[in-house]
Amino acid sequence: MTTDATVSTTAPSDSAPPDRKRWWALAAVCLSVLVLGFDGTILNVALPDMAVQLHATTGQLQWIVDAYLVVFAAAMLPAGLLGDRFGRRRLLVGGLVLFGIASLVGTLADSPATLIAVRAVMGLGGAFIMPLGIAILPSLFAPAERPRAVAVMTAGMAVGMPLGPMLGGLLLNHFWWGSIFLVNVPLIAVGIVACLWLVPESTDPSVPRIDVLGAVVGVLGLAALTFGIIQGPTDGWGSAQVLASLGAAVVLLGGLVRRERSQPHPMVDFTLLADRVYRWSTVASVLVSFVMMGGLFVLPQYLQSVLGYDALGTGVRLMPLMAGLLVAARAAERLVARLSVRWVVAVGMLVVAASMLLGASTATGDGYGRTAIWLGLLGVGMGFTMVPAMGAAMAALPEERAGVGSGLLQTLRQSASAIGVALLGSLLASAYTARLDTGPLPASAAHVARGSVSAAQALATQLHDTALAASAHAAFVHGMDLVLLTCGIGAALSAALIAWRMPGRTPDGARGAAESEA
């Protein structure tokens, strides 16, 4: 397999001799998406430090997370088609280069606005890494091997998510917060070399032209929706700015759906959702992404600002999440073979619901023990949900639609993550500011304390104000409990919906049966 070889989108047949390098090529792709897994969670550990050192409010912290997710989600709409037309490996490497350059610039950011802009560029790079990494798989693996290859790739990214906080904590204990971006650079360099050496080029010159207008409308619609949700607690849900933003989002996103459904060769192919296996596997992936991002947004702030652990201690104490995820991801494939995707995913969502409801009963005086229990349960639920659901969705796709199908799946997942951070972060901010008692503090100091629990804790330490610290802790725990309760109820309803509607067959025979039922 040479680095300049070009292969068609048609996957190798079951009878063709398999390329011995295909699993090494899969490892190269996994290394590329591992960077996204790290970045998705390593940032959360640094949020308390950013709140203090960059004077960032809770709303700005939400945008530091969501600027990446919004651009990531919307840019994936055309990424699959661009890769099909100009070369999947070429644009995968281009995405890695862009992500690496933005990471370098991020280490120098000195304000929330600059960091938000950097995160948006990182989102653009990530938008080419994820869907094109998945779209390359049909050129490497025969249909019989493809579900396992997708599961390995999904698990590779998922493993990076819980490892991120521990690595971030280690870096923050010895270096400045910008080091969490610098660590991306060597990983990306190795990923680029591995992709150029091991991954064959693949194209499909017959793909339709890119719908530039549709891509722009998608970015603007998601950005308007996220802006309206984040600004709601600050400006008031009835304010002209918030209502205008949410109204614009409805018009733009509704227009995008209508436009794409009328196109002969749509950039966002909603007809893929007619396949029941793909549809409900995508729904499961979207729901668990929404819940997971909400939980990971509040947890590091709770562990650092309320329980008082440093960044490394916070990362280590998120390890039960990784342990549960690894155990469940290894067991999920065997359980799917014996039972079905439907029941494994439904049980996984029930475990997620149980973990969130247990976390929602946290009181201010509780220690880490309760958190460790529900974090472990959350990891188990994620492993039983995310890996088999994404594997089933990709296994249900025809080979020639892998790029567009993976782009739609990841777009919906990342959109759910962005909306999850925006909605649940706004719920947290509203509950926190409503409960916080700033007492006799001057107006300027009270404004700082209301910005985030990290800022309130830093101010209380500076002023030796134990009453302010106690009030901030209680207000934050109250807001966190509301967030986790919302996630738990949503996960329980999702489990019932999936058990009721998702096809019960395993991925190997799912597509034909699902299409006949659709």
Protein backbone atom coordinates (compact mmCIF):
# COMPACT_ATOMS: atom_id res chain seq x y z
CA MET A 1 0.00 0.00 0.00
CA THR A 2 1.73 3.18 -1.13
CA THR A 3 1.05 6.59 0.22
CA ASP A 4 0.07 7.98 -3.17
CA ALA A 5 -2.34 5.20 -4.08
CA THR A 6 -5.87 6.24 -4.90
CA VAL A 7 -8.71 3.85 -4.22
CA SER A 8 -12.37 4.08 -5.05
CA THR A 9 -15.11 4.39 -2.49
CA THR A 10 -15.99 0.75 -3.01
CA ALA A 11 -14.90 -1.32 -0.04
CA PRO A 12 -12.84 -4.47 -0.46
CA SER A 13 -14.98 -7.50 -0.98
CA ASP A 14 -15.13 -10.35 1.47
CA SER A 15 -13.38 -12.61 -1.02
CA ALA A 16 -10.48 -10.25 -1.77
CA PRO A 17 -7.29 -10.84 0.20
CA PRO A 18 -7.23 -8.32 3.05
CA ASP A 19 -4.43 -5.80 3.19
CA ARG A 20 -2.21 -6.61 6.15
CA LYS A 21 -1.66 -2.94 6.85
CA ARG A 22 -5.34 -2.16 7.29
CA TRP A 23 -5.29 -2.41 11.09
CA TRP A 24 -2.18 -0.22 11.24
CA ALA A 25 -3.99 2.26 9.03
CA LEU A 26 -6.93 2.10 11.45
CA ALA A 27 -4.50 2.83 14.29
CA ALA A 28 -3.35 5.95 12.41
CA VAL A 29 -6.94 7.13 12.01
CA CYS A 30 -7.64 6.37 15.69
CA LEU A 31 -4.65 8.47 16.68
CA SER A 32 -6.08 11.37 14.67
CA VAL A 33 -9.49 11.24 16.37
CA LEU A 34 -7.87 10.61 19.77
CA VAL A 35 -6.78 14.26 19.67
CA LEU A 36 -10.45 15.24 19.50
CA GLY A 37 -11.27 12.98 22.43
CA PHE A 38 -8.55 14.61 24.53
CA ASP A 39 -9.56 18.12 23.54
CA GLY A 40 -13.21 17.45 24.25
CA THR A 41 -12.60 17.00 27.98
CA ILE A 42 -9.14 18.36 28.82
CA LEU A 43 -10.57 21.86 28.44
CA ASN A 44 -13.13 21.29 31.19
CA VAL A 45 -10.42 20.88 33.84
CA ALA A 46 -8.94 24.24 32.87
CA LEU A 47 -12.24 26.16 33.03
CA PRO A 48 -11.85 27.20 36.69
CA ASP A 49 -8.33 28.52 36.00
CA MET A 50 -9.56 30.37 32.92
CA ALA A 51 -12.40 31.92 34.91
CA VAL A 52 -9.88 33.41 37.33
CA GLN A 53 -6.89 34.21 35.09
CA LEU A 54 -8.86 35.46 32.07
CA HIS A 55 -11.66 37.00 34.20
CA ALA A 56 -14.16 34.91 32.24
CA THR A 57 -17.81 34.73 33.27
CA THR A 58 -19.90 31.55 33.13
CA GLY A 59 -21.34 32.75 29.81
CA GLN A 60 -17.84 33.23 28.37
CA LEU A 61 -16.81 29.80 29.64
CA GLN A 62 -19.83 28.36 27.81
CA TRP A 63 -18.70 30.10 24.62
CA ILE A 64 -15.12 28.81 25.00
CA VAL A 65 -16.64 25.31 24.89
CA ASP A 66 -19.42 26.03 22.40
CA ALA A 67 -17.45 28.05 19.82
CA TYR A 68 -15.62 24.82 19.05
CA LEU A 69 -18.77 22.69 19.02
CA VAL A 70 -20.87 25.05 16.88
CA VAL A 71 -18.25 25.35 14.12
CA PHE A 72 -17.42 21.64 14.43
CA ALA A 73 -21.06 20.67 13.97
CA ALA A 74 -21.87 23.01 11.09
CA ALA A 75 -18.60 22.56 9.17
CA MET A 76 -19.06 18.79 9.15
CA LEU A 77 -22.05 19.33 6.85
CA PRO A 78 -19.83 19.84 3.76
CA ALA A 79 -16.71 18.05 5.11
CA GLY A 80 -17.76 14.60 3.90
CA LEU A 81 -18.47 15.88 0.38
CA LEU A 82 -15.23 17.87 0.23
CA GLY A 83 -13.28 14.78 1.25
CA ASP A 84 -15.06 12.67 -1.36
CA ARG A 85 -14.22 15.20 -4.07
CA PHE A 86 -10.66 16.29 -3.22
CA GLY A 87 -9.32 13.30 -1.30
CA ARG A 88 -10.25 12.04 2.16
CA ARG A 89 -6.70 11.53 3.39
CA ARG A 90 -5.60 14.90 2.00
CA LEU A 91 -8.30 16.82 3.84
CA LEU A 92 -7.94 14.70 6.98
CA VAL A 93 -4.28 15.75 7.13
CA GLY A 94 -5.32 19.34 6.35
CA GLY A 95 -7.72 19.26 9.29
CA LEU A 96 -4.95 18.00 11.57
CA VAL A 97 -2.62 20.80 10.41
CA LEU A 98 -5.28 23.48 11.03
CA PHE A 99 -6.08 22.01 14.44
CA GLY A 100 -2.39 22.01 15.37
CA ILE A 101 -1.80 25.62 14.28
CA ALA A 102 -4.85 26.82 16.22
CA SER A 103 -3.63 24.90 19.28
CA LEU A 104 -0.31 26.74 19.12
CA VAL A 105 -2.07 30.11 18.87
CA GLY A 106 -4.35 29.13 21.78
CA THR A 107 -1.38 28.88 24.12
CA LEU A 108 -0.83 32.65 23.65
CA ALA A 109 -4.46 33.78 24.15
CA ASP A 110 -4.76 36.55 26.74
CA SER A 111 -8.51 37.23 26.76
CA PRO A 112 -11.76 35.24 26.59
CA ALA A 113 -12.57 36.74 23.16
CA THR A 114 -9.25 35.61 21.68
CA LEU A 115 -9.65 32.13 23.10
CA ILE A 116 -13.20 31.87 21.77
CA ALA A 117 -11.91 32.72 18.28
CA VAL A 118 -9.12 30.13 18.58
CA ARG A 119 -11.60 27.48 19.67
CA ALA A 120 -13.74 28.24 16.60
CA VAL A 121 -10.74 27.60 14.31
CA MET A 122 -9.98 24.38 16.19
CA GLY A 123 -13.59 23.37 15.57
CA LEU A 124 -13.08 23.91 11.83
CA GLY A 125 -10.05 21.63 11.87
CA GLY A 126 -11.86 19.01 13.94
CA ALA A 127 -14.78 19.06 11.51
CA PHE A 128 -12.56 17.49 8.85
CA ILE A 129 -10.85 15.01 11.16
CA MET A 130 -13.83 13.10 12.52
CA PRO A 131 -16.11 12.44 9.50
CA LEU A 132 -13.23 11.83 7.08
CA GLY A 133 -11.61 9.43 9.53
CA ILE A 134 -14.82 7.38 9.50
CA ALA A 135 -15.30 7.78 5.73
CA ILE A 136 -11.86 6.23 5.09
CA LEU A 137 -12.86 2.94 6.72
CA PRO A 138 -14.88 1.49 3.79
CA SER A 139 -11.77 1.70 1.60
CA LEU A 140 -9.83 -0.37 4.14
CA PHE A 141 -12.27 -2.97 5.46
CA ALA A 142 -14.68 -5.45 3.94
CA PRO A 143 -18.31 -5.23 5.12
CA ALA A 144 -17.85 -8.13 7.54
CA GLU A 145 -15.01 -6.33 9.34
CA ARG A 146 -16.38 -2.83 9.17
CA PRO A 147 -18.56 -2.83 12.33
CA ARG A 148 -15.57 -3.87 14.42
CA ALA A 149 -13.38 -1.21 12.78
CA VAL A 150 -15.98 1.48 13.53
CA ALA A 151 -16.28 0.23 17.11
CA VAL A 152 -12.48 0.36 17.55
CA MET A 153 -12.34 3.91 16.19
CA THR A 154 -15.25 5.06 18.35
CA ALA A 155 -13.74 3.45 21.45
CA GLY A 156 -10.38 5.10 20.64
CA MET A 157 -11.94 8.55 20.71
CA ALA A 158 -14.04 7.70 23.77
CA VAL A 159 -10.98 6.57 25.71
CA GLY A 160 -9.34 9.94 25.09
CA MET A 161 -12.27 11.73 26.73
CA PRO A 162 -11.71 10.54 30.31
CA LEU A 163 -7.92 10.58 29.92
CA GLY A 164 -8.07 14.27 29.02
CA PRO A 165 -8.91 15.56 32.52
CA MET A 166 -6.07 13.61 34.14
CA LEU A 167 -3.53 14.83 31.59
CA GLY A 168 -4.92 18.35 31.88
CA GLY A 169 -4.64 18.28 35.65
CA LEU A 170 -1.03 17.12 35.45
CA LEU A 171 -0.17 19.95 33.06
CA LEU A 172 -2.02 22.62 35.04
CA ASN A 173 -0.23 21.65 38.24
CA HIS A 174 3.16 22.34 36.64
CA PHE A 175 2.48 24.80 33.80
CA TRP A 176 0.08 27.57 32.79
CA TRP A 177 -3.40 26.85 31.42
CA GLY A 178 -2.24 27.24 27.82
CA SER A 179 -0.29 23.98 28.11
CA ILE A 180 -3.53 22.06 27.59
CA PHE A 181 -3.45 23.22 23.96
CA LEU A 182 0.30 22.74 23.52
CA VAL A 183 -0.02 19.01 24.28
CA ASN A 184 -2.07 18.62 21.09
CA VAL A 185 0.90 19.47 18.87
CA PRO A 186 3.06 16.30 19.27
CA LEU A 187 -0.03 14.07 19.02
CA ILE A 188 -1.06 15.81 15.81
CA ALA A 189 2.46 15.57 14.35
CA VAL A 190 2.54 11.81 14.91
CA GLY A 191 -0.98 11.49 13.51
CA ILE A 192 -0.04 13.36 10.31
CA VAL A 193 3.01 11.18 9.70
CA ALA A 194 1.05 7.99 10.40
CA CYS A 195 -1.78 8.98 8.05
CA LEU A 196 0.60 9.91 5.22
CA TRP A 197 2.50 6.63 5.64
CA LEU A 198 -0.29 4.14 6.24
CA VAL A 199 -3.64 5.50 5.00
CA PRO A 200 -4.41 5.25 1.26
CA GLU A 201 -5.95 8.16 -0.59
CA SER A 202 -9.57 7.69 -1.65
CA THR A 203 -11.88 9.92 -3.67
CA ASP A 204 -15.24 9.87 -5.39
CA PRO A 205 -15.19 12.37 -8.30
CA SER A 206 -18.91 11.87 -8.91
CA VAL A 207 -20.01 13.66 -5.73
CA PRO A 208 -22.18 16.77 -6.22
CA ARG A 209 -20.93 20.33 -5.88
CA ILE A 210 -20.69 21.77 -2.38
CA ASP A 211 -23.68 23.84 -1.23
CA VAL A 212 -21.79 26.86 0.13
CA LEU A 213 -24.98 28.75 0.97
CA GLY A 214 -26.33 25.77 2.94
CA ALA A 215 -23.07 25.48 4.91
CA VAL A 216 -23.12 29.19 5.81
CA VAL A 217 -26.77 29.02 6.84
CA GLY A 218 -26.00 26.01 9.05
CA VAL A 219 -23.18 27.84 10.87
CA LEU A 220 -25.27 30.97 11.38
CA GLY A 221 -28.33 29.02 12.54
CA LEU A 222 -26.44 27.00 15.14
CA ALA A 223 -24.55 30.09 16.32
CA ALA A 224 -27.79 32.07 16.71
CA LEU A 225 -29.43 29.24 18.66
CA THR A 226 -26.44 28.85 20.97
CA PHE A 227 -26.10 32.61 21.49
CA GLY A 228 -29.76 32.96 22.43
CA ILE A 229 -29.62 30.10 24.94
CA ILE A 230 -26.39 31.31 26.57
CA GLN A 231 -27.50 34.95 26.81
CA GLY A 232 -30.95 34.08 28.17
CA PRO A 233 -29.98 34.02 31.88
CA THR A 234 -27.94 37.25 31.56
CA ASP A 235 -30.17 39.42 29.35
CA GLY A 236 -33.52 37.85 30.26
CA TRP A 237 -35.41 35.31 28.16
CA GLY A 238 -37.86 37.99 27.06
CA SER A 239 -35.21 40.49 25.95
CA ALA A 240 -35.24 41.66 22.35
CA GLN A 241 -31.72 40.36 21.74
CA VAL A 242 -32.46 36.84 22.96
CA LEU A 243 -35.82 36.60 21.18
CA ALA A 244 -34.30 37.90 17.94
CA SER A 245 -31.45 35.39 18.16
CA LEU A 246 -33.76 32.43 18.83
CA GLY A 247 -36.16 33.56 16.11
CA ALA A 248 -33.31 33.86 13.62
CA ALA A 249 -32.14 30.36 14.57
CA VAL A 250 -35.60 28.91 13.84
CA VAL A 251 -35.75 30.66 10.46
CA LEU A 252 -32.18 29.73 9.44
CA LEU A 253 -32.25 26.08 10.56
CA GLY A 254 -35.76 25.59 9.21
CA GLY A 255 -34.65 27.09 5.91
CA LEU A 256 -31.62 24.78 5.84
CA VAL A 257 -33.78 21.68 6.31
CA ARG A 258 -36.22 22.82 3.62
CA ARG A 259 -33.41 23.67 1.20
CA GLU A 260 -31.59 20.38 1.67
CA ARG A 261 -34.77 18.34 1.25
CA SER A 262 -35.42 20.02 -2.09
CA GLN A 263 -31.92 19.43 -3.50
CA PRO A 264 -31.35 16.49 -5.87
CA HIS A 265 -27.95 15.86 -4.24
CA PRO A 266 -28.22 17.34 -0.73
CA MET A 267 -25.27 18.17 1.46
CA VAL A 268 -27.28 17.02 4.48
CA ASP A 269 -29.03 13.86 3.32
CA PHE A 270 -32.01 13.53 5.64
CA THR A 271 -33.21 10.50 3.66
CA LEU A 272 -30.55 8.51 5.54
CA LEU A 273 -32.81 8.81 8.58
CA ALA A 274 -35.40 6.66 6.81
CA ASP A 275 -33.29 3.64 7.78
CA ARG A 276 -34.59 2.74 11.26
CA VAL A 277 -31.27 1.31 12.44
CA TYR A 278 -29.38 4.46 11.40
CA ARG A 279 -32.12 6.75 12.71
CA TRP A 280 -32.44 5.32 16.20
CA SER A 281 -28.73 4.65 16.60
CA THR A 282 -28.18 8.32 15.75
CA VAL A 283 -30.87 9.37 18.23
CA ALA A 284 -29.13 7.35 20.97
CA SER A 285 -25.74 8.91 20.14
CA VAL A 286 -27.26 12.40 20.16
CA LEU A 287 -29.01 11.93 23.49
CA VAL A 288 -25.98 10.53 25.32
CA SER A 289 -23.82 13.36 23.90
CA PHE A 290 -26.27 15.95 25.26
CA VAL A 291 -26.24 14.39 28.74
CA MET A 292 -22.49 13.78 28.82
CA MET A 293 -21.47 17.32 27.88
CA GLY A 294 -23.77 18.80 30.50
CA GLY A 295 -22.26 16.61 33.20
CA LEU A 296 -18.67 17.26 32.15
CA PHE A 297 -19.27 21.02 32.10
CA VAL A 298 -20.27 21.18 35.79
CA LEU A 299 -18.08 18.45 37.30
CA PRO A 300 -14.58 20.02 37.17
CA GLN A 301 -15.94 23.26 38.64
CA TYR A 302 -17.55 21.30 41.49
CA LEU A 303 -14.42 19.28 42.24
CA GLN A 304 -12.09 22.28 42.17
CA SER A 305 -14.13 25.19 43.47
CA VAL A 306 -16.40 23.39 45.95
CA LEU A 307 -14.43 20.34 47.11
CA GLY A 308 -11.11 22.18 46.84
CA TYR A 309 -9.04 19.76 44.75
CA ASP A 310 -6.30 21.06 42.48
CA ALA A 311 -6.31 20.43 38.74
CA LEU A 312 -4.38 17.14 38.95
CA GLY A 313 -6.56 15.94 41.82
CA THR A 314 -9.62 16.74 39.74
CA GLY A 315 -8.29 14.77 36.77
CA VAL A 316 -7.48 11.76 38.94
CA ARG A 317 -10.93 11.87 40.53
CA LEU A 318 -12.56 11.70 37.11
CA MET A 319 -10.88 8.32 36.54
CA PRO A 320 -13.94 6.25 37.62
CA LEU A 321 -15.57 7.59 34.47
CA MET A 322 -12.76 6.13 32.34
CA ALA A 323 -12.76 2.82 34.21
CA GLY A 324 -16.49 2.37 33.74
CA LEU A 325 -16.30 3.35 30.08
CA LEU A 326 -13.44 0.92 29.32
CA VAL A 327 -15.16 -2.01 31.03
CA ALA A 328 -18.49 -1.37 29.31
CA ALA A 329 -16.95 -0.71 25.87
CA ARG A 330 -15.16 -4.09 25.99
CA ALA A 331 -18.32 -5.89 27.06
CA ALA A 332 -20.71 -4.07 24.71
CA GLU A 333 -19.67 -5.88 21.53
CA ARG A 334 -20.23 -9.32 23.08
CA LEU A 335 -23.55 -8.26 24.57
CA VAL A 336 -24.76 -6.86 21.25
CA ALA A 337 -23.95 -10.20 19.58
CA ARG A 338 -25.96 -12.10 22.20
CA LEU A 339 -28.84 -9.66 22.62
CA SER A 340 -29.26 -6.70 20.26
CA VAL A 341 -28.17 -3.11 19.87
CA ARG A 342 -31.57 -1.96 21.11
CA TRP A 343 -31.40 -3.62 24.51
CA VAL A 344 -27.74 -2.86 25.15
CA VAL A 345 -28.22 0.83 24.30
CA ALA A 346 -31.49 1.08 26.27
CA VAL A 347 -29.87 -0.45 29.36
CA GLY A 348 -26.89 1.89 28.89
CA MET A 349 -29.20 4.91 28.89
CA LEU A 350 -30.91 3.60 32.05
CA VAL A 351 -27.52 3.35 33.76
CA VAL A 352 -26.75 6.93 32.63
CA ALA A 353 -30.09 8.03 34.10
CA ALA A 354 -29.38 6.27 37.42
CA SER A 355 -25.94 7.90 37.64
CA MET A 356 -27.31 11.38 36.98
CA LEU A 357 -30.18 11.01 39.46
CA LEU A 358 -27.73 9.83 42.11
CA GLY A 359 -25.51 12.83 41.38
CA ALA A 360 -28.54 15.13 41.59
CA SER A 361 -28.91 14.28 45.29
CA THR A 362 -25.50 15.79 46.14
CA ALA A 363 -25.46 18.10 49.17
CA THR A 364 -22.92 20.77 50.00
CA GLY A 365 -21.34 18.73 52.79
CA ASP A 366 -20.94 15.54 50.76
CA GLY A 367 -17.44 14.36 50.00
CA TYR A 368 -15.98 12.70 46.94
CA GLY A 369 -17.30 9.18 47.68
CA ARG A 370 -20.76 9.79 46.26
CA THR A 371 -19.29 11.48 43.19
CA ALA A 372 -16.98 8.52 42.51
CA ILE A 373 -19.93 6.11 42.55
CA TRP A 374 -22.09 8.01 40.10
CA LEU A 375 -19.11 8.84 37.88
CA GLY A 376 -18.33 5.13 37.54
CA LEU A 377 -21.96 4.42 36.68
CA LEU A 378 -21.91 7.23 34.09
CA GLY A 379 -18.86 5.65 32.42
CA VAL A 380 -20.58 2.26 32.25
CA GLY A 381 -23.69 3.82 30.74
CA MET A 382 -21.66 5.75 28.17
CA GLY A 383 -19.76 2.62 27.15
CA PHE A 384 -22.95 0.62 26.65
CA THR A 385 -24.59 3.47 24.72
CA MET A 386 -22.08 5.39 22.63
CA VAL A 387 -19.91 2.61 21.17
CA PRO A 388 -22.65 0.18 19.99
CA ALA A 389 -24.97 2.98 18.84
CA MET A 390 -22.37 4.66 16.64
CA GLY A 391 -21.16 1.30 15.35
CA ALA A 392 -24.71 0.27 14.41
CA ALA A 393 -25.36 3.60 12.69
CA MET A 394 -22.27 3.34 10.50
CA ALA A 395 -22.84 -0.36 9.76
CA ALA A 396 -26.31 0.50 8.43
CA LEU A 397 -24.90 2.93 5.82
CA PRO A 398 -24.31 1.93 2.21
CA GLU A 399 -20.61 2.07 1.33
CA GLU A 400 -21.04 4.93 -1.15
CA ARG A 401 -22.77 7.13 1.47
CA ALA A 402 -20.28 6.64 4.31
CA GLY A 403 -18.85 10.17 4.07
CA VAL A 404 -22.19 11.99 4.06
CA GLY A 405 -23.67 9.59 6.63
CA SER A 406 -20.81 10.00 9.08
CA GLY A 407 -20.98 13.78 8.59
CA LEU A 408 -24.70 13.84 9.42
CA LEU A 409 -24.20 11.61 12.47
CA GLN A 410 -21.36 13.71 13.85
CA THR A 411 -23.13 16.98 13.00
CA LEU A 412 -26.15 15.94 15.04
CA ARG A 413 -23.96 14.71 17.91
CA GLN A 414 -21.89 17.88 18.09
CA SER A 415 -24.98 20.06 17.74
CA ALA A 416 -26.49 18.20 20.69
CA SER A 417 -23.28 18.74 22.66
CA ALA A 418 -23.28 22.48 21.92
CA ILE A 419 -26.96 22.82 22.82
CA GLY A 420 -26.36 20.71 25.94
CA VAL A 421 -23.60 23.02 27.17
CA ALA A 422 -25.69 26.08 26.32
CA LEU A 423 -28.95 24.88 27.88
CA LEU A 424 -27.53 23.15 30.93
CA GLY A 425 -24.89 25.84 31.47
CA SER A 426 -27.63 28.47 31.37
CA LEU A 427 -29.68 26.47 33.88
CA LEU A 428 -26.62 26.30 36.13
CA ALA A 429 -25.93 30.05 35.76
CA SER A 430 -29.55 30.99 36.51
CA ALA A 431 -29.75 28.79 39.61
CA TYR A 432 -26.33 29.91 40.86
CA THR A 433 -26.96 33.65 40.57
CA ALA A 434 -30.46 33.32 42.07
CA ARG A 435 -29.12 31.56 45.21
CA LEU A 436 -25.84 33.47 45.66
CA ASP A 437 -25.82 35.91 48.59
CA THR A 438 -23.12 38.54 48.09
CA GLY A 439 -23.97 40.33 51.35
CA PRO A 440 -22.32 43.73 51.84
CA LEU A 441 -19.91 43.37 48.92
CA PRO A 442 -19.47 46.42 46.68
CA ALA A 443 -21.34 46.23 43.38
CA SER A 444 -18.17 45.57 41.36
CA ALA A 445 -17.10 42.70 43.63
CA ALA A 446 -20.60 41.24 43.67
CA HIS A 447 -20.61 41.30 39.86
CA VAL A 448 -17.35 39.31 39.81
CA ALA A 449 -18.73 36.76 42.30
CA ARG A 450 -21.84 36.24 40.21
CA GLY A 451 -19.70 35.53 37.13
CA SER A 452 -18.75 32.00 38.21
CA VAL A 453 -18.21 29.91 41.33
CA SER A 454 -14.46 29.91 40.60
CA ALA A 455 -14.37 33.71 40.62
CA ALA A 456 -16.45 33.80 43.82
CA GLN A 457 -14.10 31.32 45.51
CA ALA A 458 -11.03 33.33 44.47
CA LEU A 459 -12.64 36.54 45.74
CA ALA A 460 -13.63 34.91 49.03
CA THR A 461 -10.07 33.65 49.53
CA GLN A 462 -8.67 37.11 48.80
CA LEU A 463 -11.10 38.82 51.23
CA HIS A 464 -11.07 36.00 53.81
CA ASP A 465 -14.86 35.97 53.48
CA THR A 466 -16.05 32.54 54.60
CA ALA A 467 -19.71 33.54 54.28
CA LEU A 468 -19.26 34.34 50.57
CA ALA A 469 -17.46 31.04 49.97
CA ALA A 470 -20.20 29.07 51.74
CA SER A 471 -22.94 30.85 49.82
CA ALA A 472 -21.15 30.31 46.49
CA HIS A 473 -20.66 26.61 47.22
CA ALA A 474 -24.29 26.10 48.21
CA ALA A 475 -25.55 28.04 45.18
CA PHE A 476 -23.36 26.09 42.79
CA VAL A 477 -24.33 22.69 44.23
CA HIS A 478 -27.98 23.67 43.92
CA GLY A 479 -27.46 24.56 40.25
CA MET A 480 -25.44 21.39 39.61
CA ASP A 481 -28.18 19.24 41.15
CA LEU A 482 -30.75 20.83 38.83
CA VAL A 483 -28.52 20.15 35.81
CA LEU A 484 -27.98 16.51 36.77
CA LEU A 485 -31.66 16.02 37.57
CA THR A 486 -32.56 17.33 34.12
CA CYS A 487 -30.01 15.00 32.53
CA GLY A 488 -31.27 12.03 34.53
CA ILE A 489 -34.90 12.55 33.56
CA GLY A 490 -33.90 13.04 29.92
CA ALA A 491 -31.80 9.85 29.93
CA ALA A 492 -34.62 7.80 31.49
CA LEU A 493 -37.11 9.02 28.88
CA SER A 494 -34.54 8.32 26.16
CA ALA A 495 -34.07 4.73 27.39
CA ALA A 496 -37.83 4.13 27.16
CA LEU A 497 -37.97 5.67 23.68
CA ILE A 498 -35.07 3.58 22.38
CA ALA A 499 -36.46 0.34 23.88
CA TRP A 500 -39.78 1.09 22.20
CA ARG A 501 -38.68 2.27 18.76
CA MET A 502 -35.18 1.01 17.94
CA PRO A 503 -35.05 -2.17 15.80
CA GLY A 504 -34.09 -5.20 17.85
CA ARG A 505 -31.71 -6.88 15.41
CA THR A 506 -27.94 -6.82 15.58
CA PRO A 507 -25.96 -4.64 13.13
CA ASP A 508 -24.98 -7.57 10.86
CA GLY A 509 -28.50 -8.04 9.61
CA ALA A 510 -30.02 -4.80 10.55
CA ARG A 511 -30.06 -2.82 7.36
CA GLY A 512 -32.12 -5.04 5.16
CA ALA A 513 -34.73 -5.66 7.81
CA ALA A 514 -34.88 -2.03 8.81
CA GLU A 515 -35.31 -0.85 5.25
CA SER A 516 -38.19 -3.25 4.75
CA GLU A 517 -39.90 -1.89 7.86
CA ALA A 518 -39.22 1.82 7.19
